[in-house]
Amino acid sequence: MPSPNPATGGTLDDVAVTSASNAWAVGWTCVTGPSRPKSLIERWNGIAWKRVPSPNPAGTAALFSLAAATAPSAWAVRATGRRGAAHPKTFALRWNGATWQ
């Protein structure tokens, strides 16, 4: 199965599948350079992968873990903050069936 490859660099790190026509993949992309990755979310619709807009807090926001129980419900998490920061903060996203919040 062909997988999406971000044009700006980056990687996909986790996938969750709820059906043959619904899967999510999360990771990071280097939109602002390799030292400040931004979250990357792709969705499989049964035919192709499509990038889905994702909120990004200040600092880095690479996504490394994902869970989905049903098509309209998914969660993604990651610690966020500047690389090497002493106190990263939790970054959690929830898919509500229409957007990631």
Foldseek 3Di string as FASTA:
>chain_A
DDDDADPQHWDWADKEDQDLQWIKTKWWGQPPHPQATEIWMWIGRNPDIDTADDDGDPGHDTWHDKYDHHRQWIKIKDFGDGVPDPDTHIDMWIRRNDHID
